[in-house]
Amino acid sequence: MGQAAFEITATAHVSPDEYLRLECEALEKHEYFYGEIRAMAGASYVHNRICMNVGSALNVQLRGKSCAVVGSDQRLQILNVSAYVYPDVTVVCGKPEFNESRKPETLLNPTLLVEVLSASTADKDRSEKFMLYRQISSLQQYLMLDSRICLAELYTRQPNGNWLFAETRDLAAVLDLASIGCQVPLAEAYAGVTF
């Protein structure tokens, strides 16, 4: 069936099983939100550069530890199949847990998620996706980095379940990713990026 399988109208609703079947046959990635399939657009050079910078910095700091960094091809399941998404960078600590009903594997237990914001994704990453991400019991931090300006937004789950928000536009700042024991200078996240 290939790519043609995703010629579905915006109002058509499909089951999670049908989405997973179609996604395994598709040439491009698609996310799934409560019955709606959404095609993922290609990312800009700046977006990809920021993802690689953050992923590389985390990978170096986590080498030999019990946490692993994976990129944007790692699918994540939320809310018992109500949503499937592809975060830009995912860190999982301890043993990764997967929904083994379909291949490729779908991760269930991220510790840190990173999204790089663009004009077309910023609103959804800040609202809809964060609302979904908050429901993942293993998730401890959610980092958003804007690709249009120097801006980091970090949410950290507190012991009482509330989320603490921190924001910086200072390139000299250091992002405290305590959930995975890492510190990432904002200048390193934005290395090679010109606004």
C-alpha atoms as a PDB file:
ATOM      1  CA  MET A   1       0.000   0.000   0.000  1.00  0.00           C
ATOM      2  CA  GLY A   2       2.897   2.376   0.780  1.00  0.00           C
ATOM      3  CA  GLN A   3       2.383   6.093   0.888  1.00  0.00           C
ATOM      4  CA  ALA A   4      -1.027   5.993  -0.793  1.00  0.00           C
ATOM      5  CA  ALA A   5      -2.408   4.399   2.376  1.00  0.00           C
ATOM      6  CA  PHE A   6      -2.247   7.781   4.049  1.00  0.00           C
ATOM      7  CA  GLU A   7      -4.491   9.638   1.668  1.00  0.00           C
ATOM      8  CA  ILE A   8      -7.056  10.047   4.426  1.00  0.00           C
ATOM      9  CA  THR A   9      -9.215  13.108   4.872  1.00  0.00           C
ATOM     10  CA  ALA A  10      -8.541  15.328   7.876  1.00  0.00           C
ATOM     11  CA  THR A  11     -11.901  14.359   9.383  1.00  0.00           C
ATOM     12  CA  ALA A  12     -11.522  10.592   8.919  1.00  0.00           C
ATOM     13  CA  HIS A  13     -10.958   8.681  12.151  1.00  0.00           C
ATOM     14  CA  VAL A  14      -9.056   5.427  12.325  1.00  0.00           C
ATOM     15  CA  SER A  15      -8.340   2.979  15.107  1.00  0.00           C
ATOM     16  CA  PRO A  16      -4.914   2.756  16.761  1.00  0.00           C
ATOM     17  CA  ASP A  17      -4.408  -0.678  15.179  1.00  0.00           C
ATOM     18  CA  GLU A  18      -5.198   0.684  11.725  1.00  0.00           C
ATOM     19  CA  TYR A  19      -2.807   3.608  12.281  1.00  0.00           C
ATOM     20  CA  LEU A  20       0.002   1.235  13.312  1.00  0.00           C
ATOM     21  CA  ARG A  21      -0.641  -1.001  10.312  1.00  0.00           C
ATOM     22  CA  LEU A  22      -0.547   1.968   7.930  1.00  0.00           C
ATOM     23  CA  GLU A  23       2.500   3.500   9.632  1.00  0.00           C
ATOM     24  CA  CYS A  24       4.479   0.280   9.139  1.00  0.00           C
ATOM     25  CA  GLU A  25       3.791   0.503   5.390  1.00  0.00           C
ATOM     26  CA  ALA A  26       4.286   4.261   4.991  1.00  0.00           C
ATOM     27  CA  LEU A  27       7.336   5.914   3.435  1.00  0.00           C
ATOM     28  CA  GLU A  28       7.035   8.944   5.750  1.00  0.00           C
ATOM     29  CA  LYS A  29       6.268   9.374   9.466  1.00  0.00           C
ATOM     30  CA  HIS A  30       2.812  10.249  10.770  1.00  0.00           C
ATOM     31  CA  GLU A  31       1.584  11.022  14.271  1.00  0.00           C
ATOM     32  CA  TYR A  32      -1.731   9.837  15.683  1.00  0.00           C
ATOM     33  CA  PHE A  33      -4.024  11.902  17.919  1.00  0.00           C
ATOM     34  CA  TYR A  34      -7.274  10.345  19.121  1.00  0.00           C
ATOM     35  CA  GLY A  35      -8.203   8.779  15.798  1.00  0.00           C
ATOM     36  CA  GLU A  36      -6.664  11.430  13.543  1.00  0.00           C
ATOM     37  CA  ILE A  37      -3.537  10.767  11.480  1.00  0.00           C
ATOM     38  CA  ARG A  38      -1.251  13.756  10.893  1.00  0.00           C
ATOM     39  CA  ALA A  39       1.578  13.791   8.377  1.00  0.00           C
ATOM     40  CA  MET A  40       4.868  15.123   9.699  1.00  0.00           C
ATOM     41  CA  ALA A  41       6.533  17.834   7.643  1.00  0.00           C
ATOM     42  CA  GLY A  42      10.252  17.828   6.974  1.00  0.00           C
ATOM     43  CA  ALA A  43      12.388  19.854   9.364  1.00  0.00           C
ATOM     44  CA  SER A  44      14.591  22.845   8.599  1.00  0.00           C
ATOM     45  CA  TYR A  45      18.380  22.841   8.757  1.00  0.00           C
ATOM     46  CA  VAL A  46      18.308  24.911  11.971  1.00  0.00           C
ATOM     47  CA  HIS A  47      15.799  22.520  13.554  1.00  0.00           C
ATOM     48  CA  ASN A  48      17.966  19.518  12.697  1.00  0.00           C
ATOM     49  CA  ARG A  49      21.110  21.258  13.910  1.00  0.00           C
ATOM     50  CA  ILE A  50      19.578  21.989  17.327  1.00  0.00           C
ATOM     51  CA  CYS A  51      18.326  18.387  17.632  1.00  0.00           C
ATOM     52  CA  MET A  52      21.760  17.029  16.794  1.00  0.00           C
ATOM     53  CA  ASN A  53      23.496  19.452  19.178  1.00  0.00           C
ATOM     54  CA  VAL A  54      21.267  18.481  22.103  1.00  0.00           C
ATOM     55  CA  GLY A  55      21.312  14.777  21.316  1.00  0.00           C
ATOM     56  CA  SER A  56      25.111  14.783  20.984  1.00  0.00           C
ATOM     57  CA  ALA A  57      25.632  16.707  24.226  1.00  0.00           C
ATOM     58  CA  LEU A  58      23.354  14.323  26.119  1.00  0.00           C
ATOM     59  CA  ASN A  59      24.875  11.232  24.534  1.00  0.00           C
ATOM     60  CA  VAL A  60      28.377  12.252  25.634  1.00  0.00           C
ATOM     61  CA  GLN A  61      27.263  12.932  29.217  1.00  0.00           C
ATOM     62  CA  LEU A  62      25.214   9.726  29.457  1.00  0.00           C
ATOM     63  CA  ARG A  63      27.810   7.353  28.024  1.00  0.00           C
ATOM     64  CA  GLY A  64      28.268   4.426  30.407  1.00  0.00           C
ATOM     65  CA  LYS A  65      25.183   5.347  32.447  1.00  0.00           C
ATOM     66  CA  SER A  66      21.745   3.742  32.577  1.00  0.00           C
ATOM     67  CA  CYS A  67      20.114   6.351  30.297  1.00  0.00           C
ATOM     68  CA  ALA A  68      20.002   6.286  26.490  1.00  0.00           C
ATOM     69  CA  VAL A  69      19.354   9.030  23.921  1.00  0.00           C
ATOM     70  CA  VAL A  70      17.336   8.340  20.778  1.00  0.00           C
ATOM     71  CA  GLY A  71      16.331  10.594  17.893  1.00  0.00           C
ATOM     72  CA  SER A  72      13.161  11.591  16.121  1.00  0.00           C
ATOM     73  CA  ASP A  73      12.507   8.192  14.524  1.00  0.00           C
ATOM     74  CA  GLN A  74      11.592   6.729  17.930  1.00  0.00           C
ATOM     75  CA  ARG A  75       7.817   6.475  18.193  1.00  0.00           C
ATOM     76  CA  LEU A  76       6.261   7.091  21.604  1.00  0.00           C
ATOM     77  CA  GLN A  77       2.861   5.868  22.810  1.00  0.00           C
ATOM     78  CA  ILE A  78       0.701   7.985  25.095  1.00  0.00           C
ATOM     79  CA  LEU A  79      -2.524   7.230  26.942  1.00  0.00           C
ATOM     80  CA  ASN A  80      -3.020   3.571  26.122  1.00  0.00           C
ATOM     81  CA  VAL A  81      -2.983   4.097  22.335  1.00  0.00           C
ATOM     82  CA  SER A  82      -4.860   7.402  22.225  1.00  0.00           C
ATOM     83  CA  ALA A  83      -1.781   9.071  20.741  1.00  0.00           C
ATOM     84  CA  TYR A  84       1.456   8.143  19.012  1.00  0.00           C
ATOM     85  CA  VAL A  85       4.122  10.810  18.482  1.00  0.00           C
ATOM     86  CA  TYR A  86       7.738  11.215  17.404  1.00  0.00           C
ATOM     87  CA  PRO A  87       9.536  13.627  19.782  1.00  0.00           C
ATOM     88  CA  ASP A  88      12.671  15.297  18.415  1.00  0.00           C
ATOM     89  CA  VAL A  89      14.912  13.830  21.143  1.00  0.00           C
ATOM     90  CA  THR A  90      13.995  11.221  23.757  1.00  0.00           C
ATOM     91  CA  VAL A  91      15.969  10.017  26.767  1.00  0.00           C
ATOM     92  CA  VAL A  92      14.942   6.843  28.548  1.00  0.00           C
ATOM     93  CA  CYS A  93      16.540   5.789  31.836  1.00  0.00           C
ATOM     94  CA  GLY A  94      16.611   2.243  33.060  1.00  0.00           C
ATOM     95  CA  LYS A  95      15.226  -0.550  30.917  1.00  0.00           C
ATOM     96  CA  PRO A  96      13.256   0.735  27.917  1.00  0.00           C
ATOM     97  CA  GLU A  97       9.677  -0.544  27.821  1.00  0.00           C
ATOM     98  CA  PHE A  98       7.993  -1.118  24.472  1.00  0.00           C
ATOM     99  CA  ASN A  99       4.579  -1.860  23.097  1.00  0.00           C
ATOM    100  CA  GLU A 100       5.587  -4.999  21.278  1.00  0.00           C
ATOM    101  CA  SER A 101       2.336  -5.461  19.369  1.00  0.00           C
ATOM    102  CA  ARG A 102       3.850  -3.900  16.219  1.00  0.00           C
ATOM    103  CA  LYS A 103       7.264  -3.235  14.734  1.00  0.00           C
ATOM    104  CA  PRO A 104       9.079  -0.927  14.793  1.00  0.00           C
ATOM    105  CA  GLU A 105       8.939  -0.726  18.569  1.00  0.00           C
ATOM    106  CA  THR A 106       6.911   1.928  20.311  1.00  0.00           C
ATOM    107  CA  LEU A 107       8.534   3.326  23.476  1.00  0.00           C
ATOM    108  CA  LEU A 108       6.403   3.687  26.604  1.00  0.00           C
ATOM    109  CA  ASN A 109       8.682   5.080  29.350  1.00  0.00           C
ATOM    110  CA  PRO A 110      10.663   8.232  28.452  1.00  0.00           C
ATOM    111  CA  THR A 111      12.358  10.242  31.204  1.00  0.00           C
ATOM    112  CA  LEU A 112      13.112  13.409  29.197  1.00  0.00           C
ATOM    113  CA  LEU A 113      11.522  14.669  25.979  1.00  0.00           C
ATOM    114  CA  VAL A 114      12.868  17.480  23.802  1.00  0.00           C
ATOM    115  CA  GLU A 115      10.941  19.303  21.094  1.00  0.00           C
ATOM    116  CA  VAL A 116      12.447  21.938  18.811  1.00  0.00           C
ATOM    117  CA  LEU A 117       9.830  24.578  18.076  1.00  0.00           C
ATOM    118  CA  SER A 118       9.122  25.988  14.631  1.00  0.00           C
ATOM    119  CA  ALA A 119       6.450  28.365  13.360  1.00  0.00           C
ATOM    120  CA  SER A 120       4.224  25.423  12.394  1.00  0.00           C
ATOM    121  CA  THR A 121       4.736  23.297  15.545  1.00  0.00           C
ATOM    122  CA  ALA A 122       5.235  25.729  18.457  1.00  0.00           C
ATOM    123  CA  ASP A 123       1.588  26.044  19.486  1.00  0.00           C
ATOM    124  CA  LYS A 124       0.956  22.285  19.445  1.00  0.00           C
ATOM    125  CA  ASP A 125       4.242  21.463  21.188  1.00  0.00           C
ATOM    126  CA  ARG A 126       3.425  23.917  23.994  1.00  0.00           C
ATOM    127  CA  SER A 127      -0.205  22.926  24.450  1.00  0.00           C
ATOM    128  CA  GLU A 128      -1.545  19.722  22.909  1.00  0.00           C
ATOM    129  CA  LYS A 129       1.673  17.700  23.054  1.00  0.00           C
ATOM    130  CA  PHE A 130       2.590  18.879  26.544  1.00  0.00           C
ATOM    131  CA  MET A 131      -0.894  17.985  27.754  1.00  0.00           C
ATOM    132  CA  LEU A 132      -0.313  14.474  26.423  1.00  0.00           C
ATOM    133  CA  TYR A 133       3.256  14.246  27.706  1.00  0.00           C
ATOM    134  CA  ARG A 134       2.183  15.149  31.247  1.00  0.00           C
ATOM    135  CA  GLN A 135       0.183  11.916  31.350  1.00  0.00           C
ATOM    136  CA  ILE A 136       3.289   9.744  30.956  1.00  0.00           C
ATOM    137  CA  SER A 137       4.122   8.647  34.497  1.00  0.00           C
ATOM    138  CA  SER A 138       7.829   8.098  33.755  1.00  0.00           C
ATOM    139  CA  LEU A 139       8.345  11.553  32.222  1.00  0.00           C
ATOM    140  CA  GLN A 140      10.276  13.900  34.527  1.00  0.00           C
ATOM    141  CA  GLN A 141      11.261  16.800  32.233  1.00  0.00           C
ATOM    142  CA  TYR A 142      10.083  18.378  29.001  1.00  0.00           C
ATOM    143  CA  LEU A 143      12.425  20.763  27.180  1.00  0.00           C
ATOM    144  CA  MET A 144      11.420  23.018  24.293  1.00  0.00           C
ATOM    145  CA  LEU A 145      14.018  24.909  22.263  1.00  0.00           C
ATOM    146  CA  ASP A 146      12.839  27.524  19.764  1.00  0.00           C
ATOM    147  CA  SER A 147      14.424  27.350  16.312  1.00  0.00           C
ATOM    148  CA  ARG A 148      13.561  30.979  15.476  1.00  0.00           C
ATOM    149  CA  ILE A 149      15.019  32.752  18.516  1.00  0.00           C
ATOM    150  CA  CYS A 150      17.247  31.828  21.441  1.00  0.00           C
ATOM    151  CA  LEU A 151      14.644  30.512  23.881  1.00  0.00           C
ATOM    152  CA  ALA A 152      14.581  27.459  26.136  1.00  0.00           C
ATOM    153  CA  GLU A 153      11.462  26.434  28.061  1.00  0.00           C
ATOM    154  CA  LEU A 154      11.902  23.648  30.599  1.00  0.00           C
ATOM    155  CA  TYR A 155       9.202  21.898  32.610  1.00  0.00           C
ATOM    156  CA  THR A 156      10.216  19.696  35.540  1.00  0.00           C
ATOM    157  CA  ARG A 157       7.832  17.366  37.381  1.00  0.00           C
ATOM    158  CA  GLN A 158       7.852  18.017  41.116  1.00  0.00           C
ATOM    159  CA  PRO A 159       7.440  15.308  43.820  1.00  0.00           C
ATOM    160  CA  ASN A 160       3.798  16.380  44.283  1.00  0.00           C
ATOM    161  CA  GLY A 161       3.101  15.906  40.547  1.00  0.00           C
ATOM    162  CA  ASN A 162       3.000  19.597  39.672  1.00  0.00           C
ATOM    163  CA  TRP A 163       5.209  20.940  36.887  1.00  0.00           C
ATOM    164  CA  LEU A 164       7.753  23.701  37.538  1.00  0.00           C
ATOM    165  CA  PHE A 165       8.423  26.020  34.579  1.00  0.00           C
ATOM    166  CA  ALA A 166      11.749  27.717  33.842  1.00  0.00           C
ATOM    167  CA  GLU A 167      12.575  29.868  30.830  1.00  0.00           C
ATOM    168  CA  THR A 168      15.750  31.493  29.559  1.00  0.00           C
ATOM    169  CA  ARG A 169      16.923  33.472  26.546  1.00  0.00           C
ATOM    170  CA  ASP A 170      20.467  33.828  27.891  1.00  0.00           C
ATOM    171  CA  LEU A 171      23.045  31.960  25.791  1.00  0.00           C
ATOM    172  CA  ALA A 172      25.278  31.878  28.881  1.00  0.00           C
ATOM    173  CA  ALA A 173      22.648  29.866  30.786  1.00  0.00           C
ATOM    174  CA  VAL A 174      23.067  26.170  31.561  1.00  0.00           C
ATOM    175  CA  LEU A 175      20.038  23.897  31.258  1.00  0.00           C
ATOM    176  CA  ASP A 176      19.701  21.743  34.384  1.00  0.00           C
ATOM    177  CA  LEU A 177      18.402  18.390  33.175  1.00  0.00           C
ATOM    178  CA  ALA A 178      18.463  16.904  36.660  1.00  0.00           C
ATOM    179  CA  SER A 179      16.117  14.057  35.706  1.00  0.00           C
ATOM    180  CA  ILE A 180      18.977  12.483  33.745  1.00  0.00           C
ATOM    181  CA  GLY A 181      21.909  14.034  35.634  1.00  0.00           C
ATOM    182  CA  CYS A 182      22.993  16.321  32.782  1.00  0.00           C
ATOM    183  CA  GLN A 183      23.816  19.997  32.358  1.00  0.00           C
ATOM    184  CA  VAL A 184      23.676  21.449  28.829  1.00  0.00           C
ATOM    185  CA  PRO A 185      24.911  24.979  28.133  1.00  0.00           C
ATOM    186  CA  LEU A 186      22.344  26.789  26.007  1.00  0.00           C
ATOM    187  CA  ALA A 187      25.206  27.975  23.790  1.00  0.00           C
ATOM    188  CA  GLU A 188      25.989  24.326  23.057  1.00  0.00           C
ATOM    189  CA  ALA A 189      22.366  23.598  22.134  1.00  0.00           C
ATOM    190  CA  TYR A 190      22.438  26.527  19.688  1.00  0.00           C
ATOM    191  CA  ALA A 191      26.012  25.985  18.414  1.00  0.00           C
ATOM    192  CA  GLY A 192      26.279  26.822  14.730  1.00  0.00           C
ATOM    193  CA  VAL A 193      22.802  28.401  14.629  1.00  0.00           C
ATOM    194  CA  THR A 194      22.353  31.954  13.343  1.00  0.00           C
ATOM    195  CA  PHE A 195      19.068  33.744  13.945  1.00  0.00           C
END
